[in-house]
Amino acid sequence: SLLARKSNKKMFDDVFSYLKTLIKIKKTKLKIVVLGIAFKGYPSTNDIRGTTAKYIKESISKIFKNFIIYGYDDYVHKKDILSLGFKHLNKLDDCFKNSDLVIIHNNNKNFKDLNIEKFSNVMKKNSIIYNFWGNDNYKNLVLKNNVKYISFGSHKVK
C-alpha cells in the first residue's frame, strides 16, 4: 500500500541519517554494499518485484553524496541487480573488501551465519555492518579495524 511504502522510505531515511553521523566521510567515494536484493531472503527467491532495496538506494542517494553502491544476492540475476541501479558483485568476499558500509537487507539464509569477525579484517577502518534483520548469532563480536556491527532496533531513529 501507499502508506506502507511511505513508512518504509521514512524508515530508511532515518536509518541512513543515523549511520551518516557514524561514518567518517572521506574524500574518496564510499563503498556501500547491499546484501540481499530480492524482496525476501527466505524462502530464497530471485524475485525483485516489490524489493525495498530500491528504497535503500534512494535514501542513500539523498543522504550520502560521494559513494558507489553495490548489490549482492546469490539468487538474483546480475541484469536484475544492475536494473535497480546497483553495481554487481559476484562473490561475498568482495562485498566486504575495502567497504565503508555493508547492509544486510534481507533474511537470506546465507547471511544468517556470516563470519562477521573474519570479514571485518578486510573492511576499511571505522566501517559499519548494518543488519536490518538483527541476529542473535552476532552478539559479543570482536571486530577488527574498529568496525561496528549495528542492527535495526538497537538504536533510536526519528
Protein backbone atom coordinates (compact mmCIF):
# COMPACT_ATOMS: atom_id res chain seq x y z
CA SER A 1 0.00 0.00 0.00
CA LEU A 2 1.00 3.62 -0.39
CA LEU A 3 1.15 4.15 3.38
CA ALA A 4 3.47 1.16 3.82
CA ARG A 5 5.79 2.43 1.07
CA LYS A 6 5.95 5.89 2.67
CA SER A 7 6.66 4.30 6.04
CA ASN A 8 9.45 2.15 4.57
CA LYS A 9 11.01 5.14 2.81
CA LYS A 10 10.97 7.21 6.01
CA MET A 11 12.47 4.34 7.99
CA PHE A 12 15.34 4.03 5.50
CA ASP A 13 15.88 7.81 5.50
CA ASP A 14 16.03 7.78 9.31
CA VAL A 15 18.43 4.81 9.44
CA PHE A 16 20.84 6.26 6.87
CA SER A 17 20.73 9.71 8.50
CA TYR A 18 21.75 7.98 11.74
CA LEU A 19 24.51 5.99 10.00
CA LYS A 20 25.85 9.15 8.35
CA THR A 21 26.60 10.50 11.83
CA LEU A 22 28.80 7.46 12.47
CA ILE A 23 30.63 7.19 9.16
CA LYS A 24 33.75 9.24 8.69
CA ILE A 25 33.16 10.99 5.38
CA LYS A 26 36.24 10.76 3.21
CA LYS A 27 37.41 12.47 0.07
CA THR A 28 37.30 9.14 -1.73
CA LYS A 29 33.97 7.59 -2.67
CA LEU A 30 32.36 5.45 -0.01
CA LYS A 31 31.93 1.80 -0.91
CA ILE A 32 28.42 0.82 0.15
CA VAL A 33 27.18 -2.73 -0.36
CA VAL A 34 23.65 -4.09 -0.03
CA LEU A 35 23.48 -7.82 0.68
CA GLY A 36 20.15 -9.31 -0.37
CA ILE A 37 18.44 -7.61 -3.30
CA ALA A 38 15.41 -9.91 -3.64
CA PHE A 39 12.18 -8.79 -1.97
CA LYS A 40 12.68 -11.54 0.59
CA GLY A 41 15.52 -13.82 1.52
CA TYR A 42 13.66 -16.80 2.91
CA PRO A 43 12.46 -18.81 1.22
CA SER A 44 15.12 -17.98 -1.33
CA THR A 45 13.94 -16.25 -4.48
CA ASN A 46 15.25 -14.28 -7.43
CA ASP A 47 12.10 -12.12 -7.45
CA ILE A 48 12.86 -8.39 -7.21
CA ARG A 49 9.25 -7.20 -7.60
CA GLY A 50 8.44 -5.16 -4.52
CA THR A 51 12.01 -5.18 -3.20
CA THR A 52 12.79 -2.40 -0.76
CA ALA A 53 16.41 -2.43 -1.98
CA LYS A 54 15.39 0.35 -4.38
CA TYR A 55 14.26 2.48 -1.39
CA ILE A 56 17.60 1.83 0.28
CA LYS A 57 19.36 3.13 -2.82
CA GLU A 58 17.07 6.21 -2.93
CA SER A 59 17.72 7.00 0.74
CA ILE A 60 21.46 6.57 0.39
CA SER A 61 21.41 8.86 -2.68
CA LYS A 62 19.66 11.58 -0.65
CA ILE A 63 21.90 11.31 2.41
CA PHE A 64 25.34 10.44 1.07
CA LYS A 65 26.83 12.40 -1.81
CA ASN A 66 30.05 10.62 -2.75
CA PHE A 67 29.57 6.86 -2.95
CA ILE A 68 29.43 3.78 -5.14
CA ILE A 69 26.66 1.33 -4.29
CA TYR A 70 26.94 -2.38 -4.98
CA GLY A 71 24.40 -5.14 -4.76
CA TYR A 72 24.94 -8.80 -3.98
CA ASP A 73 22.41 -11.59 -3.99
CA ASP A 74 23.33 -15.13 -4.88
CA TYR A 75 19.81 -15.80 -6.19
CA VAL A 76 19.14 -12.63 -8.20
CA HIS A 77 20.42 -12.35 -11.77
CA LYS A 78 23.13 -9.80 -12.47
CA LYS A 79 20.97 -7.97 -15.03
CA ASP A 80 18.23 -7.51 -12.40
CA ILE A 81 20.68 -6.10 -9.86
CA LEU A 82 22.01 -3.71 -12.49
CA SER A 83 18.46 -2.71 -13.48
CA LEU A 84 17.92 -1.38 -9.96
CA GLY A 85 20.96 0.90 -10.27
CA PHE A 86 23.44 -1.17 -8.27
CA LYS A 87 26.85 -2.25 -9.46
CA HIS A 88 27.07 -6.03 -9.21
CA LEU A 89 29.42 -8.09 -7.05
CA ASN A 90 29.85 -11.82 -7.75
CA LYS A 91 31.43 -13.00 -4.52
CA LEU A 92 30.53 -12.42 -0.91
CA ASP A 93 34.20 -11.83 -0.04
CA ASP A 94 34.26 -8.87 -2.45
CA CYS A 95 31.30 -7.31 -0.64
CA PHE A 96 33.34 -6.69 2.49
CA LYS A 97 36.72 -5.92 0.93
CA ASN A 98 37.51 -2.20 1.42
CA SER A 99 33.87 -1.43 2.24
CA ASP A 100 32.70 1.52 4.33
CA LEU A 101 29.15 0.27 4.88
CA VAL A 102 27.70 -3.21 4.37
CA ILE A 103 23.94 -3.52 4.72
CA ILE A 104 22.25 -6.86 5.34
CA HIS A 105 18.92 -6.12 3.70
CA ASN A 106 17.00 -9.39 3.74
CA ASN A 107 16.82 -12.64 5.68
CA ASN A 108 18.65 -14.80 3.14
CA LYS A 109 19.81 -17.93 4.97
CA ASN A 110 23.33 -17.37 3.66
CA PHE A 111 23.55 -14.14 5.68
CA LYS A 112 22.44 -15.76 8.93
CA ASP A 113 25.82 -17.15 9.96
CA LEU A 114 28.32 -14.90 8.21
CA ASN A 115 31.77 -14.86 9.73
CA ILE A 116 31.47 -11.16 10.54
CA GLU A 117 34.70 -11.20 12.57
CA LYS A 118 36.67 -12.55 9.60
CA PHE A 119 35.05 -10.11 7.17
CA SER A 120 35.87 -7.14 9.43
CA ASN A 121 39.56 -7.86 8.71
CA VAL A 122 39.17 -6.71 5.09
CA MET A 123 36.86 -3.73 5.67
CA LYS A 124 38.09 -0.16 5.89
CA LYS A 125 38.87 1.24 9.31
CA ASN A 126 35.80 2.61 11.17
CA SER A 127 33.36 0.88 8.80
CA ILE A 128 29.87 -0.33 9.65
CA ILE A 129 27.93 -3.53 9.12
CA TYR A 130 24.22 -2.75 9.44
CA ASN A 131 21.70 -5.58 9.73
CA PHE A 132 18.04 -4.80 9.13
CA TRP A 133 17.16 -8.29 10.41
CA GLY A 134 19.18 -8.32 13.62
CA ASN A 135 20.68 -11.61 14.60
CA ASP A 136 21.49 -13.10 17.99
CA ASN A 137 24.33 -15.04 16.35
CA TYR A 138 26.25 -11.78 16.12
CA LYS A 139 26.39 -10.86 19.81
CA ASN A 140 29.77 -10.50 21.51
CA LEU A 141 31.64 -9.98 18.27
CA VAL A 142 35.28 -8.97 18.29
CA LEU A 143 35.71 -6.94 15.13
CA LYS A 144 38.93 -5.68 13.57
CA ASN A 145 39.63 -2.22 12.14
CA ASN A 146 37.21 -0.60 14.60
CA VAL A 147 34.31 -1.95 12.51
CA LYS A 148 30.92 -1.58 14.18
CA TYR A 149 28.05 -4.06 13.90
CA ILE A 150 24.65 -2.40 14.32
CA SER A 151 21.25 -4.00 13.97
CA PHE A 152 17.89 -2.40 13.34
CA GLY A 153 16.14 -1.71 16.64
CA SER A 154 19.38 -1.31 18.59
CA HIS A 155 19.38 2.48 18.16
CA LYS A 156 16.91 5.31 18.07
CA VAL A 157 15.54 6.67 14.84
CA LYS A 158 13.46 9.81 14.43
